[in-house]
């Protein structure tokens, strides 16, 4: 039986732009992003496929960050604290 990708916890340092849609779908975020229902965990703007920057875990959730360097640089700060 073939194991589905992304089910086990692993560290991913980068996802190629060509694989982004597949990756977001595999972690259950693609429909939310395409529907315009995702916001940057740092600045609060709506994140779509054009301005997507990164994802990070916090508690039991995966959070999304936009592409702004100022938001990406604050991911470590955002991971600390309660969900």
PDB file of N, CA and C in Angstrom:
ATOM      1  N   UNK A   1       0.841  -1.186   0.000  1.00  0.00           N
ATOM      2  CA  UNK A   1       0.000   0.000   0.000  1.00  0.00           C
ATOM      3  C   UNK A   1       0.883   1.245   0.000  1.00  0.00           C
ATOM      4  N   UNK A   2       0.559   2.177  -0.850  1.00  0.00           N
ATOM      5  CA  UNK A   2       1.346   3.411  -0.960  1.00  0.00           C
ATOM      6  C   UNK A   2       0.940   4.381   0.138  1.00  0.00           C
ATOM      7  N   UNK A   3       1.922   4.927   0.824  1.00  0.00           N
ATOM      8  CA  UNK A   3       1.663   5.882   1.906  1.00  0.00           C
ATOM      9  C   UNK A   3       1.420   7.268   1.318  1.00  0.00           C
ATOM     10  N   UNK A   4       0.363   7.937   1.777  1.00  0.00           N
ATOM     11  CA  UNK A   4       0.052   9.279   1.314  1.00  0.00           C
ATOM     12  C   UNK A   4       1.095  10.265   1.839  1.00  0.00           C
ATOM     13  N   UNK A   5       1.514  11.171   0.985  1.00  0.00           N
ATOM     14  CA  UNK A   5       2.504  12.176   1.371  1.00  0.00           C
ATOM     15  C   UNK A   5       1.952  13.105   2.432  1.00  0.00           C
ATOM     16  N   UNK A   6       2.846  13.627   3.261  1.00  0.00           N
ATOM     17  CA  UNK A   6       2.586  14.671   4.248  1.00  0.00           C
ATOM     18  C   UNK A   6       1.783  14.223   5.465  1.00  0.00           C
ATOM     19  N   UNK A   7       1.548  12.912   5.620  1.00  0.00           N
ATOM     20  CA  UNK A   7       0.797  12.472   6.786  1.00  0.00           C
ATOM     21  C   UNK A   7       1.649  12.399   8.041  1.00  0.00           C
ATOM     22  N   UNK A   8       2.916  12.082   7.892  1.00  0.00           N
ATOM     23  CA  UNK A   8       3.791  12.011   9.050  1.00  0.00           C
ATOM     24  C   UNK A   8       4.476  13.345   9.251  1.00  0.00           C
ATOM     25  N   UNK A   9       4.763  13.669  10.500  1.00  0.00           N
ATOM     26  CA  UNK A   9       5.422  14.939  10.799  1.00  0.00           C
ATOM     27  C   UNK A   9       6.834  14.913  10.226  1.00  0.00           C
ATOM     28  N   UNK A  10       7.145  15.921   9.475  1.00  0.00           N
ATOM     29  CA  UNK A  10       8.474  16.069   8.914  1.00  0.00           C
ATOM     30  C   UNK A  10       8.764  17.551   8.748  1.00  0.00           C
ATOM     31  N   UNK A  11      10.025  17.889   8.728  1.00  0.00           N
ATOM     32  CA  UNK A  11      10.423  19.272   8.541  1.00  0.00           C
ATOM     33  C   UNK A  11      10.572  19.519   7.048  1.00  0.00           C
ATOM     34  N   UNK A  12       9.871  20.518   6.561  1.00  0.00           N
ATOM     35  CA  UNK A  12       9.959  20.896   5.161  1.00  0.00           C
ATOM     36  C   UNK A  12      10.479  22.320   5.125  1.00  0.00           C
ATOM     37  N   UNK A  13      11.602  22.509   4.486  1.00  0.00           N
ATOM     38  CA  UNK A  13      12.172  23.848   4.452  1.00  0.00           C
ATOM     39  C   UNK A  13      11.679  24.664   3.272  1.00  0.00           C
ATOM     40  N   UNK A  14      11.209  23.995   2.218  1.00  0.00           N
ATOM     41  CA  UNK A  14      10.711  24.718   1.051  1.00  0.00           C
ATOM     42  C   UNK A  14       9.827  23.808   0.212  1.00  0.00           C
ATOM     43  N   UNK A  15       8.871  24.430  -0.469  1.00  0.00           N
ATOM     44  CA  UNK A  15       8.022  23.725  -1.427  1.00  0.00           C
ATOM     45  C   UNK A  15       8.133  24.502  -2.731  1.00  0.00           C
ATOM     46  N   UNK A  16       8.453  23.806  -3.786  1.00  0.00           N
ATOM     47  CA  UNK A  16       8.564  24.428  -5.094  1.00  0.00           C
ATOM     48  C   UNK A  16       7.219  25.011  -5.500  1.00  0.00           C
ATOM     49  N   UNK A  17       7.235  26.143  -6.165  1.00  0.00           N
ATOM     50  CA  UNK A  17       6.000  26.796  -6.595  1.00  0.00           C
ATOM     51  C   UNK A  17       5.115  25.848  -7.405  1.00  0.00           C
ATOM     52  N   UNK A  18       5.729  24.969  -8.181  1.00  0.00           N
ATOM     53  CA  UNK A  18       4.972  24.014  -8.987  1.00  0.00           C
ATOM     54  C   UNK A  18       4.239  22.985  -8.129  1.00  0.00           C
ATOM     55  N   UNK A  19       4.693  22.764  -6.907  1.00  0.00           N
ATOM     56  CA  UNK A  19       4.096  21.780  -6.009  1.00  0.00           C
ATOM     57  C   UNK A  19       3.205  22.407  -4.936  1.00  0.00           C
ATOM     58  N   UNK A  20       3.077  23.726  -4.943  1.00  0.00           N
ATOM     59  CA  UNK A  20       2.360  24.419  -3.871  1.00  0.00           C
ATOM     60  C   UNK A  20       0.892  23.992  -3.776  1.00  0.00           C
ATOM     61  N   UNK A  21       0.202  23.935  -4.889  1.00  0.00           N
ATOM     62  CA  UNK A  21      -1.217  23.570  -4.867  1.00  0.00           C
ATOM     63  C   UNK A  21      -1.388  22.167  -4.308  1.00  0.00           C
ATOM     64  N   UNK A  22      -0.562  21.235  -4.753  1.00  0.00           N
ATOM     65  CA  UNK A  22      -0.632  19.861  -4.253  1.00  0.00           C
ATOM     66  C   UNK A  22      -0.338  19.809  -2.757  1.00  0.00           C
ATOM     67  N   UNK A  23       0.660  20.554  -2.320  1.00  0.00           N
ATOM     68  CA  UNK A  23       1.009  20.575  -0.894  1.00  0.00           C
ATOM     69  C   UNK A  23      -0.130  21.148  -0.055  1.00  0.00           C
ATOM     70  N   UNK A  24      -0.667  22.292  -0.458  1.00  0.00           N
ATOM     71  CA  UNK A  24      -1.754  22.907   0.302  1.00  0.00           C
ATOM     72  C   UNK A  24      -2.984  22.002   0.341  1.00  0.00           C
ATOM     73  N   UNK A  25      -3.251  21.314  -0.741  1.00  0.00           N
ATOM     74  CA  UNK A  25      -4.350  20.357  -0.763  1.00  0.00           C
ATOM     75  C   UNK A  25      -4.085  19.208   0.207  1.00  0.00           C
ATOM     76  N   UNK A  26      -2.856  18.733   0.242  1.00  0.00           N
ATOM     77  CA  UNK A  26      -2.516  17.584   1.098  1.00  0.00           C
ATOM     78  C   UNK A  26      -2.615  17.906   2.585  1.00  0.00           C
ATOM     79  N   UNK A  27      -2.491  19.179   2.947  1.00  0.00           N
ATOM     80  CA  UNK A  27      -2.625  19.550   4.364  1.00  0.00           C
ATOM     81  C   UNK A  27      -3.986  20.183   4.657  1.00  0.00           C
ATOM     82  N   UNK A  28      -4.882  20.128   3.676  1.00  0.00           N
ATOM     83  CA  UNK A  28      -6.252  20.564   3.887  1.00  0.00           C
ATOM     84  C   UNK A  28      -6.488  22.065   3.873  1.00  0.00           C
ATOM     85  N   UNK A  29      -5.614  22.830   3.248  1.00  0.00           N
ATOM     86  CA  UNK A  29      -5.772  24.294   3.245  1.00  0.00           C
ATOM     87  C   UNK A  29      -6.136  24.888   1.891  1.00  0.00           C
ATOM     88  N   UNK A  30      -6.062  24.110   0.833  1.00  0.00           N
ATOM     89  CA  UNK A  30      -6.245  24.671  -0.507  1.00  0.00           C
ATOM     90  C   UNK A  30      -7.630  25.279  -0.698  1.00  0.00           C
ATOM     91  N   UNK A  31      -8.686  24.569  -0.353  1.00  0.00           N
ATOM     92  CA  UNK A  31     -10.040  25.088  -0.564  1.00  0.00           C
ATOM     93  C   UNK A  31     -10.274  26.378   0.213  1.00  0.00           C
ATOM     94  N   UNK A  32      -9.773  26.427   1.438  1.00  0.00           N
ATOM     95  CA  UNK A  32      -9.917  27.624   2.273  1.00  0.00           C
ATOM     96  C   UNK A  32      -9.208  28.817   1.631  1.00  0.00           C
ATOM     97  N   UNK A  33      -8.012  28.590   1.128  1.00  0.00           N
ATOM     98  CA  UNK A  33      -7.240  29.667   0.491  1.00  0.00           C
ATOM     99  C   UNK A  33      -7.932  30.105  -0.801  1.00  0.00           C
ATOM    100  N   UNK A  34      -8.360  29.152  -1.618  1.00  0.00           N
ATOM    101  CA  UNK A  34      -9.025  29.496  -2.878  1.00  0.00           C
ATOM    102  C   UNK A  34     -10.348  30.223  -2.646  1.00  0.00           C
ATOM    103  N   UNK A  35     -11.003  29.956  -1.529  1.00  0.00           N
ATOM    104  CA  UNK A  35     -12.279  30.613  -1.211  1.00  0.00           C
ATOM    105  C   UNK A  35     -12.093  32.008  -0.616  1.00  0.00           C
ATOM    106  N   UNK A  36     -10.844  32.408  -0.375  1.00  0.00           N
ATOM    107  CA  UNK A  36     -10.590  33.724   0.208  1.00  0.00           C
ATOM    108  C   UNK A  36     -10.890  33.780   1.689  1.00  0.00           C
ATOM    109  N   UNK A  37     -10.842  32.621   2.340  1.00  0.00           N
ATOM    110  CA  UNK A  37     -11.192  32.538   3.760  1.00  0.00           C
ATOM    111  C   UNK A  37      -9.977  32.424   4.674  1.00  0.00           C
ATOM    112  N   UNK A  38      -8.783  32.604   4.129  1.00  0.00           N
ATOM    113  CA  UNK A  38      -7.563  32.493   4.938  1.00  0.00           C
ATOM    114  C   UNK A  38      -6.942  33.861   5.128  1.00  0.00           C
ATOM    115  N   UNK A  39      -6.508  34.121   6.346  1.00  0.00           N
ATOM    116  CA  UNK A  39      -5.856  35.395   6.655  1.00  0.00           C
ATOM    117  C   UNK A  39      -4.463  35.149   7.198  1.00  0.00           C
ATOM    118  N   UNK A  40      -3.583  36.092   6.937  1.00  0.00           N
ATOM    119  CA  UNK A  40      -2.225  36.030   7.464  1.00  0.00           C
ATOM    120  C   UNK A  40      -2.289  36.071   8.987  1.00  0.00           C
ATOM    121  N   UNK A  41      -1.587  35.146   9.620  1.00  0.00           N
ATOM    122  CA  UNK A  41      -1.580  35.063  11.083  1.00  0.00           C
ATOM    123  C   UNK A  41      -0.866  36.257  11.720  1.00  0.00           C
ATOM    124  N   UNK A  42      -0.132  37.017  10.927  1.00  0.00           N
ATOM    125  CA  UNK A  42       0.615  38.161  11.458  1.00  0.00           C
ATOM    126  C   UNK A  42      -0.118  39.478  11.203  1.00  0.00           C
ATOM    127  N   UNK A  43      -0.402  39.776   9.926  1.00  0.00           N
ATOM    128  CA  UNK A  43      -0.984  41.088   9.600  1.00  0.00           C
ATOM    129  C   UNK A  43      -2.487  41.048   9.333  1.00  0.00           C
ATOM    130  N   UNK A  44      -3.048  39.876   9.112  1.00  0.00           N
ATOM    131  CA  UNK A  44      -4.488  39.744   8.950  1.00  0.00           C
ATOM    132  C   UNK A  44      -5.035  39.915   7.542  1.00  0.00           C
ATOM    133  N   UNK A  45      -4.189  40.181   6.538  1.00  0.00           N
ATOM    134  CA  UNK A  45      -4.724  40.324   5.185  1.00  0.00           C
ATOM    135  C   UNK A  45      -5.154  38.957   4.648  1.00  0.00           C
ATOM    136  N   UNK A  46      -6.055  38.969   3.676  1.00  0.00           N
ATOM    137  CA  UNK A  46      -6.491  37.728   3.048  1.00  0.00           C
ATOM    138  C   UNK A  46      -5.323  37.158   2.239  1.00  0.00           C
ATOM    139  N   UNK A  47      -5.069  35.874   2.431  1.00  0.00           N
ATOM    140  CA  UNK A  47      -3.983  35.196   1.722  1.00  0.00           C
ATOM    141  C   UNK A  47      -4.588  34.337   0.625  1.00  0.00           C
ATOM    142  N   UNK A  48      -4.082  34.533  -0.600  1.00  0.00           N
ATOM    143  CA  UNK A  48      -4.491  33.699  -1.724  1.00  0.00           C
ATOM    144  C   UNK A  48      -3.242  33.038  -2.308  1.00  0.00           C
ATOM    145  N   UNK A  49      -3.387  32.362  -3.423  1.00  0.00           N
ATOM    146  CA  UNK A  49      -2.236  31.671  -4.009  1.00  0.00           C
ATOM    147  C   UNK A  49      -1.185  32.644  -4.539  1.00  0.00           C
ATOM    148  N   UNK A  50      -1.586  33.874  -4.810  1.00  0.00           N
ATOM    149  CA  UNK A  50      -0.651  34.874  -5.335  1.00  0.00           C
ATOM    150  C   UNK A  50       0.224  35.493  -4.248  1.00  0.00           C
ATOM    151  N   UNK A  51      -0.299  35.630  -3.042  1.00  0.00           N
ATOM    152  CA  UNK A  51       0.481  36.277  -1.977  1.00  0.00           C
ATOM    153  C   UNK A  51       0.809  35.327  -0.823  1.00  0.00           C
ATOM    154  N   UNK A  52       0.668  34.023  -1.050  1.00  0.00           N
ATOM    155  CA  UNK A  52       0.994  33.021  -0.041  1.00  0.00           C
ATOM    156  C   UNK A  52       2.488  33.077   0.271  1.00  0.00           C
ATOM    157  N   UNK A  53       2.816  33.041   1.566  1.00  0.00           N
ATOM    158  CA  UNK A  53       4.219  33.082   1.960  1.00  0.00           C
ATOM    159  C   UNK A  53       4.699  31.810   2.623  1.00  0.00           C
ATOM    160  N   UNK A  54       3.956  31.335   3.637  1.00  0.00           N
ATOM    161  CA  UNK A  54       4.407  30.173   4.395  1.00  0.00           C
ATOM    162  C   UNK A  54       3.280  29.639   5.265  1.00  0.00           C
ATOM    163  N   UNK A  55       3.505  28.436   5.787  1.00  0.00           N
ATOM    164  CA  UNK A  55       2.641  27.861   6.811  1.00  0.00           C
ATOM    165  C   UNK A  55       3.514  27.508   8.001  1.00  0.00           C
ATOM    166  N   UNK A  56       2.903  27.512   9.189  1.00  0.00           N
ATOM    167  CA  UNK A  56       3.645  27.089  10.373  1.00  0.00           C
ATOM    168  C   UNK A  56       2.672  26.485  11.375  1.00  0.00           C
ATOM    169  N   UNK A  57       3.175  25.537  12.176  1.00  0.00           N
ATOM    170  CA  UNK A  57       2.300  24.923  13.183  1.00  0.00           C
ATOM    171  C   UNK A  57       2.281  25.753  14.460  1.00  0.00           C
ATOM    172  N   UNK A  58       1.124  25.761  15.100  1.00  0.00           N
ATOM    173  CA  UNK A  58       0.994  26.375  16.423  1.00  0.00           C
ATOM    174  C   UNK A  58      -0.117  25.613  17.123  1.00  0.00           C
ATOM    175  N   UNK A  59       0.233  24.962  18.207  1.00  0.00           N
ATOM    176  CA  UNK A  59      -0.725  24.098  18.867  1.00  0.00           C
ATOM    177  C   UNK A  59      -1.078  22.956  17.938  1.00  0.00           C
ATOM    178  N   UNK A  60      -2.359  22.730  17.751  1.00  0.00           N
ATOM    179  CA  UNK A  60      -2.819  21.663  16.862  1.00  0.00           C
ATOM    180  C   UNK A  60      -3.275  22.181  15.509  1.00  0.00           C
ATOM    181  N   UNK A  61      -2.939  23.423  15.185  1.00  0.00           N
ATOM    182  CA  UNK A  61      -3.387  24.033  13.934  1.00  0.00           C
ATOM    183  C   UNK A  61      -2.206  24.430  13.055  1.00  0.00           C
ATOM    184  N   UNK A  62      -2.503  24.575  11.786  1.00  0.00           N
ATOM    185  CA  UNK A  62      -1.529  25.090  10.834  1.00  0.00           C
ATOM    186  C   UNK A  62      -1.977  26.502  10.484  1.00  0.00           C
ATOM    187  N   UNK A  63      -1.074  27.444  10.615  1.00  0.00           N
ATOM    188  CA  UNK A  63      -1.375  28.846  10.337  1.00  0.00           C
ATOM    189  C   UNK A  63      -0.696  29.283   9.047  1.00  0.00           C
ATOM    190  N   UNK A  64      -1.262  30.291   8.417  1.00  0.00           N
ATOM    191  CA  UNK A  64      -0.790  30.787   7.129  1.00  0.00           C
ATOM    192  C   UNK A  64      -0.221  32.190   7.314  1.00  0.00           C
ATOM    193  N   UNK A  65       0.825  32.479   6.548  1.00  0.00           N
ATOM    194  CA  UNK A  65       1.448  33.801   6.557  1.00  0.00           C
ATOM    195  C   UNK A  65       1.541  34.284   5.118  1.00  0.00           C
ATOM    196  N   UNK A  66       1.327  35.576   4.913  1.00  0.00           N
ATOM    197  CA  UNK A  66       1.452  36.154   3.576  1.00  0.00           C
ATOM    198  C   UNK A  66       2.934  36.263   3.186  1.00  0.00           C
ATOM    199  N   UNK A  67       3.161  36.749   1.985  1.00  0.00           N
ATOM    200  CA  UNK A  67       4.518  36.807   1.441  1.00  0.00           C
ATOM    201  C   UNK A  67       5.366  37.984   1.926  1.00  0.00           C
ATOM    202  N   UNK A  68       4.780  38.913   2.680  1.00  0.00           N
ATOM    203  CA  UNK A  68       5.550  40.075   3.133  1.00  0.00           C
ATOM    204  C   UNK A  68       6.730  39.625   3.996  1.00  0.00           C
ATOM    205  N   UNK A  69       7.921  40.111   3.684  1.00  0.00           N
ATOM    206  CA  UNK A  69       9.089  39.748   4.491  1.00  0.00           C
ATOM    207  C   UNK A  69       8.895  40.056   5.975  1.00  0.00           C
ATOM    208  N   UNK A  70       8.185  41.136   6.282  1.00  0.00           N
ATOM    209  CA  UNK A  70       7.970  41.497   7.683  1.00  0.00           C
ATOM    210  C   UNK A  70       7.115  40.449   8.399  1.00  0.00           C
ATOM    211  N   UNK A  71       6.193  39.820   7.696  1.00  0.00           N
ATOM    212  CA  UNK A  71       5.362  38.772   8.305  1.00  0.00           C
ATOM    213  C   UNK A  71       6.132  37.460   8.416  1.00  0.00           C
ATOM    214  N   UNK A  72       6.832  37.098   7.355  1.00  0.00           N
ATOM    215  CA  UNK A  72       7.608  35.853   7.385  1.00  0.00           C
ATOM    216  C   UNK A  72       8.663  35.902   8.483  1.00  0.00           C
ATOM    217  N   UNK A  73       9.267  37.055   8.685  1.00  0.00           N
ATOM    218  CA  UNK A  73      10.318  37.162   9.707  1.00  0.00           C
ATOM    219  C   UNK A  73       9.759  37.043  11.126  1.00  0.00           C
ATOM    220  N   UNK A  74       8.453  37.171  11.276  1.00  0.00           N
ATOM    221  CA  UNK A  74       7.844  37.098  12.611  1.00  0.00           C
ATOM    222  C   UNK A  74       7.228  35.728  12.918  1.00  0.00           C
ATOM    223  N   UNK A  75       7.427  34.740  12.057  1.00  0.00           N
ATOM    224  CA  UNK A  75       6.849  33.413  12.286  1.00  0.00           C
ATOM    225  C   UNK A  75       7.313  32.827  13.614  1.00  0.00           C
ATOM    226  N   UNK A  76       8.578  32.923  13.939  1.00  0.00           N
ATOM    227  CA  UNK A  76       9.070  32.368  15.212  1.00  0.00           C
ATOM    228  C   UNK A  76       8.337  32.985  16.397  1.00  0.00           C
ATOM    229  N   UNK A  77       8.108  34.286  16.365  1.00  0.00           N
ATOM    230  CA  UNK A  77       7.373  34.966  17.448  1.00  0.00           C
ATOM    231  C   UNK A  77       5.940  34.473  17.531  1.00  0.00           C
ATOM    232  N   UNK A  78       5.315  34.242  16.363  1.00  0.00           N
ATOM    233  CA  UNK A  78       3.914  33.829  16.320  1.00  0.00           C
ATOM    234  C   UNK A  78       3.713  32.392  16.807  1.00  0.00           C
ATOM    235  N   UNK A  79       4.744  31.574  16.739  1.00  0.00           N
ATOM    236  CA  UNK A  79       4.620  30.185  17.171  1.00  0.00           C
ATOM    237  C   UNK A  79       4.572  30.069  18.685  1.00  0.00           C
ATOM    238  N   UNK A  80       4.993  31.097  19.390  1.00  0.00           N
ATOM    239  CA  UNK A  80       5.009  31.074  20.845  1.00  0.00           C
ATOM    240  C   UNK A  80       3.665  31.554  21.370  1.00  0.00           C
ATOM    241  N   UNK A  81       3.163  30.925  22.384  1.00  0.00           N
ATOM    242  CA  UNK A  81       1.908  31.364  22.992  1.00  0.00           C
ATOM    243  C   UNK A  81       0.786  30.394  22.734  1.00  0.00           C
ATOM    244  N   UNK A  82      -0.393  30.793  23.142  1.00  0.00           N
ATOM    245  CA  UNK A  82      -1.566  29.936  23.015  1.00  0.00           C
ATOM    246  C   UNK A  82      -2.187  30.111  21.645  1.00  0.00           C
ATOM    247  N   UNK A  83      -2.915  29.082  21.225  1.00  0.00           N
ATOM    248  CA  UNK A  83      -3.599  29.085  19.944  1.00  0.00           C
ATOM    249  C   UNK A  83      -4.824  29.948  19.971  1.00  0.00           C
TER     250      UNK A  83
END
